[in-house]
Structure formats: C-alpha cells, structure tokens
Amino acid sequence: MRGWYIIILPSVCVLTGCAAIAPLTSVITPPSNESPPLQVHEQTRVDLEKDNFILVKTNAWGHSDGFSLLGFITIVPPTLNKALQRMYATAEMRPGSPQSVAHLVIEKSTSYFILFGIPKVQVRADIVQFRPEVGIGEKPVAENQPP
C-alpha cells in the first residue's frame, strides 16, 4: 500500500498537464538548433488617397494540407508555397500585369483525430491592379487599347 503513489503521481501529472514534465514530443524528437522558418515580408504601398489602383478580386484563397501520424510524426507537411500557388491560380493573376496581393492572411491549423492529424496552411488576400499615374494634361490609356 506504500508504493501506490509511485503509480498514481506520474498518472496525475500526465493527465493534468503538469508543467514540470517535458511534453511527449520533446522526449521523442531530438532537440534541434534550427532557427525558425524564414519569413519574408515585402510590402507594396497602396496610397488610398490617390486613385492609383483598382480592386480586381476580393478574398482569393488557396490551401495546402498535410498528414501526420499520431498528431506529431509529420509524413507530408503542408507548404506555404503550394497554398500561395493555388491562391494565384484562383485569382487568375497574369504574369507581367501590374497586379499585387493586398491584405494577405496566413492561417495555420491542425485537425486532430485518433491516430492522425491533418495540418493545414490557408492563405487569403485581395488582388489589386495598379493604374499608371497620369500627369497634368494627359489622358489615361484604357486597357486593351493600343497606346
């Protein structure tokens, strides 16, 4: 009867999430000295006081799904690159046109099931197209017309 706490105490710590115990994933996976993933933030300035852009499409979106066993052994990771490519395809962006992404939102989530997890990366944005600036005395050139 004296040794009951040897069995009960670890069970209580695991079930209640004791902060003094390392998470299971840190015990299984070796520690790494990798830096966080590269994040590039480029900014295009859209001056809302000027009439230099038009809104082409709102809420263009793309996603990438992955797969993980037991919720922490990643088999197929979701990638931001695939999600962005799908968003560009849905937005029908054309190479060479003065279009840009505005209000970009990146969401990362995971749905957990009994034996596996589905990590997701979803991106949403508005697509704007810039108009050429018109000087004094010049007329704006309409699209699809020769200059």
N, C-alpha and C. Protein backbone atom coordinates (compact mmCIF):
# COMPACT_ATOMS: atom_id res chain seq x y z
N MET A 1 0.82 -1.19 0.00
CA MET A 1 0.00 0.00 0.00
C MET A 1 0.86 1.26 0.00
N ARG A 2 2.14 1.15 0.41
CA ARG A 2 3.01 2.33 0.46
C ARG A 2 3.42 2.77 -0.93
N GLY A 3 3.52 1.91 -1.90
CA GLY A 3 4.02 2.26 -3.22
C GLY A 3 2.95 2.75 -4.20
N TRP A 4 1.75 3.00 -3.75
CA TRP A 4 0.68 3.43 -4.64
C TRP A 4 0.98 4.79 -5.28
N TYR A 5 1.68 5.66 -4.55
CA TYR A 5 1.96 7.00 -5.10
C TYR A 5 2.95 6.96 -6.26
N ILE A 6 3.73 5.87 -6.37
CA ILE A 6 4.66 5.74 -7.49
C ILE A 6 3.87 5.55 -8.80
N ILE A 7 2.74 4.94 -8.73
CA ILE A 7 1.90 4.74 -9.92
C ILE A 7 0.94 5.92 -10.12
N ILE A 8 0.37 6.42 -9.07
CA ILE A 8 -0.65 7.47 -9.16
C ILE A 8 -0.04 8.82 -9.53
N LEU A 9 1.08 9.20 -8.93
CA LEU A 9 1.66 10.52 -9.16
C LEU A 9 2.03 10.76 -10.63
N PRO A 10 2.75 9.85 -11.32
CA PRO A 10 3.00 10.10 -12.75
C PRO A 10 1.72 10.15 -13.58
N SER A 11 0.74 9.32 -13.22
CA SER A 11 -0.53 9.34 -13.96
C SER A 11 -1.24 10.68 -13.81
N VAL A 12 -1.25 11.21 -12.59
CA VAL A 12 -1.89 12.50 -12.36
C VAL A 12 -1.16 13.60 -13.12
N CYS A 13 0.18 13.58 -13.11
CA CYS A 13 0.95 14.60 -13.82
C CYS A 13 0.72 14.55 -15.33
N VAL A 14 0.65 13.36 -15.89
CA VAL A 14 0.43 13.22 -17.33
C VAL A 14 -0.99 13.66 -17.70
N LEU A 15 -1.97 13.25 -16.92
CA LEU A 15 -3.36 13.56 -17.25
C LEU A 15 -3.74 15.01 -16.99
N THR A 16 -3.08 15.67 -16.03
CA THR A 16 -3.43 17.06 -15.73
C THR A 16 -2.51 18.05 -16.39
N GLY A 17 -1.48 17.60 -17.11
CA GLY A 17 -0.60 18.53 -17.82
C GLY A 17 0.35 19.26 -16.91
N CYS A 18 1.01 18.56 -16.04
CA CYS A 18 1.96 19.18 -15.11
C CYS A 18 3.05 19.91 -15.89
N ALA A 19 3.30 21.15 -15.53
CA ALA A 19 4.26 21.99 -16.27
C ALA A 19 5.70 21.56 -16.03
N ALA A 20 5.97 20.79 -14.99
CA ALA A 20 7.33 20.40 -14.70
C ALA A 20 7.81 19.25 -15.59
N ILE A 21 6.91 18.62 -16.30
CA ILE A 21 7.27 17.50 -17.16
C ILE A 21 7.32 17.97 -18.60
N ALA A 22 8.37 17.55 -19.31
CA ALA A 22 8.51 17.94 -20.72
C ALA A 22 7.41 17.30 -21.55
N PRO A 23 6.94 18.00 -22.59
CA PRO A 23 5.92 17.40 -23.45
C PRO A 23 6.44 16.15 -24.14
N LEU A 24 5.53 15.26 -24.48
CA LEU A 24 5.89 13.98 -25.09
C LEU A 24 6.67 14.17 -26.39
N THR A 25 6.32 15.18 -27.18
CA THR A 25 7.01 15.38 -28.46
C THR A 25 8.46 15.77 -28.25
N SER A 26 8.79 16.49 -27.18
CA SER A 26 10.17 16.88 -26.95
C SER A 26 11.01 15.70 -26.46
N VAL A 27 10.36 14.68 -25.89
CA VAL A 27 11.08 13.49 -25.44
C VAL A 27 11.38 12.58 -26.63
N ILE A 28 10.44 12.49 -27.57
CA ILE A 28 10.58 11.59 -28.70
C ILE A 28 11.50 12.16 -29.78
N THR A 29 11.32 13.43 -30.14
CA THR A 29 12.13 14.03 -31.18
C THR A 29 13.40 14.63 -30.58
N PRO A 30 14.53 14.49 -31.26
CA PRO A 30 15.76 15.04 -30.71
C PRO A 30 15.75 16.56 -30.79
N PRO A 31 16.44 17.23 -29.85
CA PRO A 31 16.47 18.68 -29.89
C PRO A 31 17.23 19.15 -31.13
N SER A 32 16.78 20.25 -31.70
CA SER A 32 17.44 20.78 -32.88
C SER A 32 17.80 22.23 -32.64
N ASN A 33 18.86 22.65 -33.28
CA ASN A 33 19.32 24.03 -33.16
C ASN A 33 18.91 24.83 -34.38
N GLU A 34 17.87 24.38 -35.08
CA GLU A 34 17.42 25.07 -36.27
C GLU A 34 16.74 26.37 -35.88
N SER A 35 16.94 27.38 -36.70
CA SER A 35 16.26 28.64 -36.48
C SER A 35 14.83 28.51 -37.00
N PRO A 36 13.94 29.42 -36.61
CA PRO A 36 12.58 29.34 -37.12
C PRO A 36 12.57 29.50 -38.63
N PRO A 37 11.51 29.02 -39.29
CA PRO A 37 11.47 29.10 -40.75
C PRO A 37 11.56 30.55 -41.22
N LEU A 38 12.13 30.70 -42.41
CA LEU A 38 12.33 32.01 -42.99
C LEU A 38 10.98 32.67 -43.27
N GLN A 39 10.85 33.92 -42.85
CA GLN A 39 9.64 34.68 -43.13
C GLN A 39 10.04 35.95 -43.87
N VAL A 40 9.54 36.10 -45.07
CA VAL A 40 9.84 37.27 -45.88
C VAL A 40 8.59 38.14 -45.91
N HIS A 41 8.75 39.39 -45.55
CA HIS A 41 7.63 40.32 -45.58
C HIS A 41 7.99 41.47 -46.52
N GLU A 42 7.43 41.43 -47.71
CA GLU A 42 7.60 42.53 -48.64
C GLU A 42 6.33 43.35 -48.62
N GLN A 43 6.47 44.63 -48.82
CA GLN A 43 5.30 45.47 -48.73
C GLN A 43 5.21 46.35 -49.97
N THR A 44 4.03 46.39 -50.54
CA THR A 44 3.75 47.30 -51.64
C THR A 44 2.86 48.39 -51.08
N ARG A 45 3.23 49.63 -51.29
CA ARG A 45 2.45 50.73 -50.74
C ARG A 45 1.32 51.09 -51.70
N VAL A 46 0.13 51.03 -51.17
CA VAL A 46 -1.05 51.46 -51.92
C VAL A 46 -1.59 52.67 -51.18
N ASP A 47 -1.46 53.84 -51.77
CA ASP A 47 -1.92 55.07 -51.15
C ASP A 47 -3.41 55.22 -51.44
N LEU A 48 -4.23 55.07 -50.42
CA LEU A 48 -5.67 55.11 -50.61
C LEU A 48 -6.19 56.50 -50.89
N GLU A 49 -5.36 57.51 -50.70
CA GLU A 49 -5.78 58.87 -51.02
C GLU A 49 -5.68 59.14 -52.51
N LYS A 50 -4.88 58.37 -53.21
CA LYS A 50 -4.74 58.52 -54.65
C LYS A 50 -5.61 57.49 -55.34
N ASP A 51 -5.89 57.75 -56.58
CA ASP A 51 -6.69 56.82 -57.37
C ASP A 51 -5.75 56.05 -58.29
N ASN A 52 -4.83 55.28 -57.67
CA ASN A 52 -3.81 54.61 -58.48
C ASN A 52 -3.97 53.09 -58.54
N PHE A 53 -5.11 52.56 -58.10
CA PHE A 53 -5.30 51.11 -58.15
C PHE A 53 -6.78 50.80 -58.27
N ILE A 54 -7.06 49.57 -58.72
CA ILE A 54 -8.43 49.07 -58.72
C ILE A 54 -8.42 47.70 -58.05
N LEU A 55 -9.50 47.36 -57.42
CA LEU A 55 -9.64 46.07 -56.77
C LEU A 55 -10.11 45.06 -57.81
N VAL A 56 -9.29 44.06 -58.07
CA VAL A 56 -9.61 43.07 -59.10
C VAL A 56 -10.42 41.92 -58.53
N LYS A 57 -10.01 41.40 -57.38
CA LYS A 57 -10.71 40.26 -56.78
C LYS A 57 -10.57 40.33 -55.28
N THR A 58 -11.66 40.05 -54.57
CA THR A 58 -11.60 40.03 -53.11
C THR A 58 -11.60 38.58 -52.62
N ASN A 59 -10.93 38.38 -51.53
CA ASN A 59 -10.92 37.09 -50.83
C ASN A 59 -10.49 35.93 -51.72
N ALA A 60 -9.42 36.12 -52.49
CA ALA A 60 -8.84 35.00 -53.23
C ALA A 60 -8.17 34.09 -52.20
N TRP A 61 -8.28 32.79 -52.35
CA TRP A 61 -7.72 31.90 -51.33
C TRP A 61 -7.07 30.68 -51.94
N GLY A 62 -6.21 30.08 -51.15
CA GLY A 62 -5.56 28.83 -51.51
C GLY A 62 -5.23 28.07 -50.23
N HIS A 63 -4.98 26.79 -50.35
CA HIS A 63 -4.68 25.98 -49.16
C HIS A 63 -3.71 24.86 -49.50
N SER A 64 -3.10 24.32 -48.47
CA SER A 64 -2.24 23.16 -48.59
C SER A 64 -2.48 22.28 -47.37
N ASP A 65 -2.72 21.00 -47.59
CA ASP A 65 -2.97 20.06 -46.50
C ASP A 65 -1.79 19.11 -46.36
N GLY A 66 -1.59 18.62 -45.15
CA GLY A 66 -0.54 17.66 -44.88
C GLY A 66 -1.11 16.46 -44.16
N PHE A 67 -0.22 15.62 -43.63
CA PHE A 67 -0.64 14.43 -42.89
C PHE A 67 0.40 14.10 -41.84
N SER A 68 -0.06 13.79 -40.62
CA SER A 68 0.86 13.40 -39.56
C SER A 68 0.26 12.23 -38.77
N LEU A 69 1.12 11.26 -38.46
CA LEU A 69 0.70 10.11 -37.65
C LEU A 69 0.70 10.51 -36.18
N LEU A 70 -0.30 10.11 -35.48
CA LEU A 70 -0.46 10.37 -34.05
C LEU A 70 -0.42 11.86 -33.72
N GLY A 71 -0.53 12.71 -34.71
CA GLY A 71 -0.58 14.15 -34.49
C GLY A 71 0.76 14.83 -34.39
N PHE A 72 1.87 14.07 -34.33
CA PHE A 72 3.17 14.74 -34.18
C PHE A 72 4.27 14.15 -35.07
N ILE A 73 4.05 13.05 -35.75
CA ILE A 73 5.04 12.49 -36.68
C ILE A 73 4.60 12.92 -38.09
N THR A 74 5.24 13.96 -38.59
CA THR A 74 4.82 14.53 -39.88
C THR A 74 5.27 13.64 -41.03
N ILE A 75 4.32 13.22 -41.83
CA ILE A 75 4.60 12.42 -43.01
C ILE A 75 4.64 13.34 -44.23
N VAL A 76 3.61 14.14 -44.41
CA VAL A 76 3.53 15.10 -45.52
C VAL A 76 3.23 16.48 -44.90
N PRO A 77 4.18 17.42 -44.97
CA PRO A 77 3.92 18.74 -44.38
C PRO A 77 3.14 19.63 -45.34
N PRO A 78 2.28 20.50 -44.82
CA PRO A 78 1.64 21.48 -45.68
C PRO A 78 2.66 22.58 -46.00
N THR A 79 2.62 23.12 -47.20
CA THR A 79 3.60 24.14 -47.56
C THR A 79 2.91 25.45 -47.93
N LEU A 80 3.52 26.54 -47.53
CA LEU A 80 3.03 27.87 -47.87
C LEU A 80 3.14 28.11 -49.36
N ASN A 81 4.19 27.57 -49.99
CA ASN A 81 4.39 27.74 -51.42
C ASN A 81 3.21 27.17 -52.21
N LYS A 82 2.77 25.96 -51.86
CA LYS A 82 1.64 25.33 -52.57
C LYS A 82 0.36 26.13 -52.33
N ALA A 83 0.15 26.62 -51.11
CA ALA A 83 -1.04 27.40 -50.81
C ALA A 83 -1.05 28.70 -51.62
N LEU A 84 0.10 29.37 -51.72
CA LEU A 84 0.18 30.61 -52.49
C LEU A 84 -0.02 30.35 -53.99
N GLN A 85 0.55 29.26 -54.51
CA GLN A 85 0.34 28.93 -55.93
C GLN A 85 -1.13 28.70 -56.23
N ARG A 86 -1.83 28.03 -55.32
CA ARG A 86 -3.26 27.78 -55.52
C ARG A 86 -4.05 29.08 -55.43
N MET A 87 -3.62 30.00 -54.54
CA MET A 87 -4.30 31.28 -54.44
C MET A 87 -4.11 32.10 -55.73
N TYR A 88 -2.88 32.11 -56.27
CA TYR A 88 -2.63 32.82 -57.52
C TYR A 88 -3.46 32.23 -58.66
N ALA A 89 -3.62 30.91 -58.68
CA ALA A 89 -4.43 30.27 -59.73
C ALA A 89 -5.89 30.65 -59.59
N THR A 90 -6.41 30.69 -58.35
CA THR A 90 -7.81 31.08 -58.16
C THR A 90 -8.03 32.54 -58.50
N ALA A 91 -7.03 33.37 -58.24
CA ALA A 91 -7.15 34.80 -58.52
C ALA A 91 -6.94 35.13 -59.99
N GLU A 92 -6.47 34.15 -60.76
CA GLU A 92 -6.20 34.33 -62.19
C GLU A 92 -5.23 35.49 -62.43
N MET A 93 -4.16 35.54 -61.63
CA MET A 93 -3.15 36.58 -61.81
C MET A 93 -2.34 36.30 -63.06
N ARG A 94 -2.06 37.33 -63.81
CA ARG A 94 -1.34 37.19 -65.07
C ARG A 94 0.09 37.71 -64.91
N PRO A 95 1.08 36.95 -65.36
CA PRO A 95 2.46 37.44 -65.31
C PRO A 95 2.61 38.69 -66.18
N GLY A 96 3.35 39.65 -65.69
CA GLY A 96 3.60 40.86 -66.45
C GLY A 96 2.59 41.97 -66.23
N SER A 97 1.48 41.66 -65.56
CA SER A 97 0.49 42.71 -65.31
C SER A 97 0.81 43.38 -63.97
N PRO A 98 0.41 44.63 -63.81
CA PRO A 98 0.73 45.36 -62.57
C PRO A 98 -0.21 44.99 -61.42
N GLN A 99 -0.29 43.70 -61.11
CA GLN A 99 -1.16 43.23 -60.04
C GLN A 99 -0.34 42.89 -58.81
N SER A 100 -0.98 42.99 -57.66
CA SER A 100 -0.30 42.66 -56.41
C SER A 100 -1.31 42.12 -55.41
N VAL A 101 -0.79 41.50 -54.37
CA VAL A 101 -1.60 40.94 -53.29
C VAL A 101 -1.69 41.99 -52.19
N ALA A 102 -2.88 42.20 -51.66
CA ALA A 102 -3.08 43.11 -50.54
C ALA A 102 -3.85 42.39 -49.45
N HIS A 103 -3.62 42.77 -48.22
CA HIS A 103 -4.30 42.20 -47.06
C HIS A 103 -4.12 40.69 -46.97
N LEU A 104 -2.90 40.23 -47.10
CA LEU A 104 -2.60 38.79 -47.07
C LEU A 104 -2.75 38.25 -45.65
N VAL A 105 -3.49 37.17 -45.51
CA VAL A 105 -3.70 36.49 -44.23
C VAL A 105 -3.24 35.05 -44.38
N ILE A 106 -2.36 34.60 -43.47
CA ILE A 106 -1.87 33.22 -43.48
C ILE A 106 -2.35 32.55 -42.20
N GLU A 107 -3.09 31.47 -42.34
CA GLU A 107 -3.61 30.74 -41.19
C GLU A 107 -3.05 29.32 -41.18
N LYS A 108 -2.53 28.92 -40.04
CA LYS A 108 -2.04 27.55 -39.87
C LYS A 108 -2.90 26.88 -38.80
N SER A 109 -3.37 25.68 -39.11
CA SER A 109 -4.21 24.95 -38.17
C SER A 109 -3.98 23.46 -38.35
N THR A 110 -4.41 22.69 -37.38
CA THR A 110 -4.33 21.24 -37.45
C THR A 110 -5.60 20.64 -36.88
N SER A 111 -6.15 19.69 -37.58
CA SER A 111 -7.29 18.92 -37.09
C SER A 111 -6.74 17.59 -36.57
N TYR A 112 -7.03 17.26 -35.32
CA TYR A 112 -6.53 16.04 -34.71
C TYR A 112 -7.62 14.98 -34.65
N PHE A 113 -7.26 13.77 -35.06
CA PHE A 113 -8.15 12.63 -34.97
C PHE A 113 -7.45 11.57 -34.11
N ILE A 114 -8.01 10.41 -33.96
CA ILE A 114 -7.47 9.43 -33.02
C ILE A 114 -6.05 9.01 -33.37
N LEU A 115 -5.79 8.61 -34.59
CA LEU A 115 -4.47 8.11 -34.96
C LEU A 115 -3.68 9.03 -35.88
N PHE A 116 -4.25 10.14 -36.27
CA PHE A 116 -3.54 11.01 -37.21
C PHE A 116 -4.01 12.46 -37.06
N GLY A 117 -3.28 13.35 -37.68
CA GLY A 117 -3.63 14.76 -37.70
C GLY A 117 -3.51 15.28 -39.12
N ILE A 118 -4.27 16.32 -39.43
CA ILE A 118 -4.23 16.95 -40.75
C ILE A 118 -3.82 18.41 -40.55
N PRO A 119 -2.53 18.72 -40.71
CA PRO A 119 -2.12 20.13 -40.63
C PRO A 119 -2.50 20.85 -41.92
N LYS A 120 -2.88 22.14 -41.80
CA LYS A 120 -3.30 22.92 -42.96
C LYS A 120 -2.64 24.29 -42.94
N VAL A 121 -2.37 24.81 -44.13
CA VAL A 121 -1.96 26.19 -44.31
C VAL A 121 -2.96 26.80 -45.28
N GLN A 122 -3.62 27.87 -44.86
CA GLN A 122 -4.59 28.55 -45.71
C GLN A 122 -4.16 30.00 -45.88
N VAL A 123 -4.27 30.53 -47.10
CA VAL A 123 -3.95 31.92 -47.36
C VAL A 123 -5.14 32.60 -48.02
N ARG A 124 -5.39 33.85 -47.65
CA ARG A 124 -6.44 34.67 -48.26
C ARG A 124 -5.86 36.04 -48.54
N ALA A 125 -6.34 36.67 -49.59
CA ALA A 125 -5.86 38.02 -49.92
C ALA A 125 -6.80 38.68 -50.91
N ASP A 126 -6.65 40.00 -51.02
CA ASP A 126 -7.31 40.77 -52.07
C ASP A 126 -6.29 41.02 -53.16
N ILE A 127 -6.74 41.04 -54.40
CA ILE A 127 -5.85 41.30 -55.53
C ILE A 127 -6.16 42.69 -56.06
N VAL A 128 -5.12 43.53 -56.14
CA VAL A 128 -5.27 44.89 -56.66
C VAL A 128 -4.43 45.03 -57.92
N GLN A 129 -4.87 45.91 -58.80
CA GLN A 129 -4.12 46.19 -60.01
C GLN A 129 -3.86 47.69 -60.04
N PHE A 130 -2.60 48.04 -60.26
CA PHE A 130 -2.20 49.44 -60.26
C PHE A 130 -2.47 50.07 -61.62
N ARG A 131 -2.88 51.32 -61.59
CA ARG A 131 -3.06 52.09 -62.81
C ARG A 131 -1.87 53.01 -62.99
N PRO A 132 -1.51 53.29 -64.22
CA PRO A 132 -0.40 54.22 -64.42
C PRO A 132 -0.80 55.61 -63.94
N GLU A 133 0.17 56.30 -63.35
CA GLU A 133 -0.10 57.66 -62.89
C GLU A 133 -0.23 58.57 -64.09
N VAL A 134 -1.19 59.46 -64.03
CA VAL A 134 -1.46 60.36 -65.13
C VAL A 134 -0.96 61.75 -64.75
N GLY A 135 -0.14 62.32 -65.62
CA GLY A 135 0.36 63.67 -65.38
C GLY A 135 -0.67 64.71 -65.79
N ILE A 136 -0.37 65.98 -65.55
CA ILE A 136 -1.27 67.07 -65.90
C ILE A 136 -1.41 67.16 -67.42
N GLY A 137 -2.61 67.22 -67.90
CA GLY A 137 -2.87 67.36 -69.33
C GLY A 137 -2.86 66.06 -70.10
N GLU A 138 -2.58 64.92 -69.45
CA GLU A 138 -2.57 63.63 -70.12
C GLU A 138 -3.89 62.91 -69.90
N LYS A 139 -4.27 62.12 -70.85
CA LYS A 139 -5.46 61.29 -70.69
C LYS A 139 -5.02 59.89 -70.30
N PRO A 140 -5.75 59.23 -69.40
CA PRO A 140 -5.39 57.84 -69.06
C PRO A 140 -5.62 56.93 -70.26
N VAL A 141 -4.72 55.97 -70.43
CA VAL A 141 -4.84 55.00 -71.52
C VAL A 141 -5.69 53.85 -71.01
N ALA A 142 -6.76 53.56 -71.74
CA ALA A 142 -7.65 52.47 -71.34
C ALA A 142 -6.97 51.15 -71.66
N GLU A 143 -7.30 50.13 -70.87
CA GLU A 143 -6.73 48.80 -71.13
C GLU A 143 -7.29 48.27 -72.44
N ASN A 144 -6.56 47.37 -73.05
CA ASN A 144 -6.93 46.71 -74.30
C ASN A 144 -7.01 47.67 -75.49
N GLN A 145 -6.44 48.86 -75.37
CA GLN A 145 -6.37 49.79 -76.48
C GLN A 145 -4.90 50.05 -76.78
N PRO A 146 -4.54 50.15 -78.07
CA PRO A 146 -3.15 50.46 -78.38
C PRO A 146 -2.82 51.88 -77.94
N PRO A 147 -1.57 52.13 -77.47
CA PRO A 147 -1.21 53.45 -76.99
C PRO A 147 -1.19 54.51 -78.07
